[in-house]
Protein backbone atom coordinates (compact mmCIF):
# COMPACT_ATOMS: atom_id res chain seq x y z
CA MET A 1 83.57 113.80 112.28
CA GLU A 2 85.78 115.86 114.56
CA PHE A 3 85.63 115.56 118.33
CA GLU A 4 86.69 117.79 121.18
CA TRP A 5 86.46 117.65 124.96
CA ASP A 6 87.86 119.15 128.10
CA ASP A 7 91.17 117.35 128.68
CA ALA A 8 90.87 117.65 132.47
CA LYS A 9 87.42 116.00 132.41
CA SER A 10 88.72 113.25 130.17
CA GLU A 11 91.63 112.60 132.54
CA HIS A 12 89.23 112.56 135.50
CA ASN A 13 87.08 110.06 133.63
CA LEU A 14 90.13 107.92 132.94
CA ARG A 15 91.08 107.85 136.62
CA HIS A 16 87.57 107.23 137.97
CA ARG A 17 85.85 105.27 135.21
CA LYS A 18 88.86 103.62 133.58
CA PHE A 19 88.39 105.18 130.12
CA GLY A 20 88.91 108.61 128.62
CA PHE A 21 86.83 110.55 126.14
CA ASP A 22 89.03 109.37 123.26
CA TYR A 23 87.67 105.86 123.93
CA ALA A 24 84.12 107.19 124.41
CA ALA A 25 84.27 108.88 120.96
CA LEU A 26 84.50 105.42 119.39
CA VAL A 27 80.82 104.89 120.23
CA PHE A 28 79.94 107.09 117.23
CA ALA A 29 81.51 104.61 114.78
CA GLY A 30 78.49 102.31 115.11
CA PRO A 31 74.74 102.49 115.67
CA THR A 32 73.54 104.57 118.62
CA ILE A 33 70.35 105.42 120.48
CA ASP A 34 70.12 109.21 120.84
CA THR A 35 67.87 110.99 123.34
CA PRO A 36 67.75 114.72 124.12
CA ASP A 37 69.18 115.44 127.58
CA GLN A 38 66.61 117.82 129.06
CA ARG A 39 67.32 117.35 132.76
CA HIS A 40 68.50 120.97 133.05
CA ALA A 41 68.51 124.17 130.99
CA TYR A 42 72.06 123.85 129.68
CA GLY A 43 71.92 126.73 127.24
CA GLU A 44 72.66 124.35 124.34
CA PRO A 45 71.07 121.14 123.09
CA ARG A 46 72.67 118.09 124.64
CA ILE A 47 72.19 114.52 123.51
CA LEU A 48 72.56 111.32 125.53
CA THR A 49 73.71 108.55 123.23
CA ILE A 50 73.96 104.87 124.06
CA GLY A 51 76.22 102.67 121.98
CA ALA A 52 78.84 99.97 122.00
CA VAL A 53 82.62 100.05 121.91
CA GLY A 54 83.80 96.47 121.81
CA ASN A 55 82.05 94.69 124.67
CA ASP A 56 81.35 97.93 126.56
CA ILE A 57 77.97 99.64 126.37
CA LEU A 58 78.53 103.35 127.01
CA ALA A 59 76.35 106.37 127.74
CA VAL A 60 77.90 109.51 126.28
CA VAL A 61 76.55 113.05 126.55
CA TYR A 62 77.57 115.42 123.78
CA THR A 63 76.64 118.59 121.95
CA ASP A 64 77.29 119.52 118.34
CA ARG A 65 78.99 122.87 117.74
CA ASP A 66 79.12 123.56 114.03
CA ASP A 67 81.05 120.59 112.60
CA ILE A 68 82.58 119.50 115.91
CA ARG A 69 81.05 117.04 118.37
CA ARG A 70 81.96 118.03 121.93
CA ILE A 71 81.89 115.18 124.44
CA ILE A 72 80.67 116.42 127.82
CA SER A 73 80.55 113.20 129.83
CA ALA A 74 80.86 109.45 129.41
CA ARG A 75 80.23 106.42 131.59
CA LYS A 76 79.30 102.79 131.33
CA ALA A 77 75.60 102.42 130.65
CA ASN A 78 73.37 101.62 133.60
CA ARG A 79 71.10 98.57 133.70
CA LYS A 80 68.11 100.33 132.13
CA GLU A 81 70.29 101.71 129.33
CA ARG A 82 71.87 98.30 128.70
CA ARG A 83 68.39 96.74 128.40
CA GLN A 84 67.37 99.52 126.04
CA TRP A 85 70.50 98.86 123.96
CA GLN A 86 69.86 95.09 123.85
CA SER A 87 66.28 95.71 122.65
CA PHE A 88 67.63 98.07 119.97
CA VAL A 89 70.23 95.69 118.55
CA ASN A 90 68.13 92.51 119.02
CA PRO A 91 64.53 93.57 118.25
């Protein structure tokens, strides 16, 4: 799978959240929980995925454009998302 992202947003993420989108892309190497992101009318389908990279549980928003997955945002999962992840991996 190919990935792309806005380099400026990835750099901003690196400065403020201590990881860039290259690290966030690793979440797709394992199991994920995917939920449509319908908070706004974005003009394209966006998916919120929750998954693990090492010991980090991340929440990554992306959209698929043809064969390329574009990462839009990434952060550490919040408490509710971490609980959801734990229930998913330890049913």
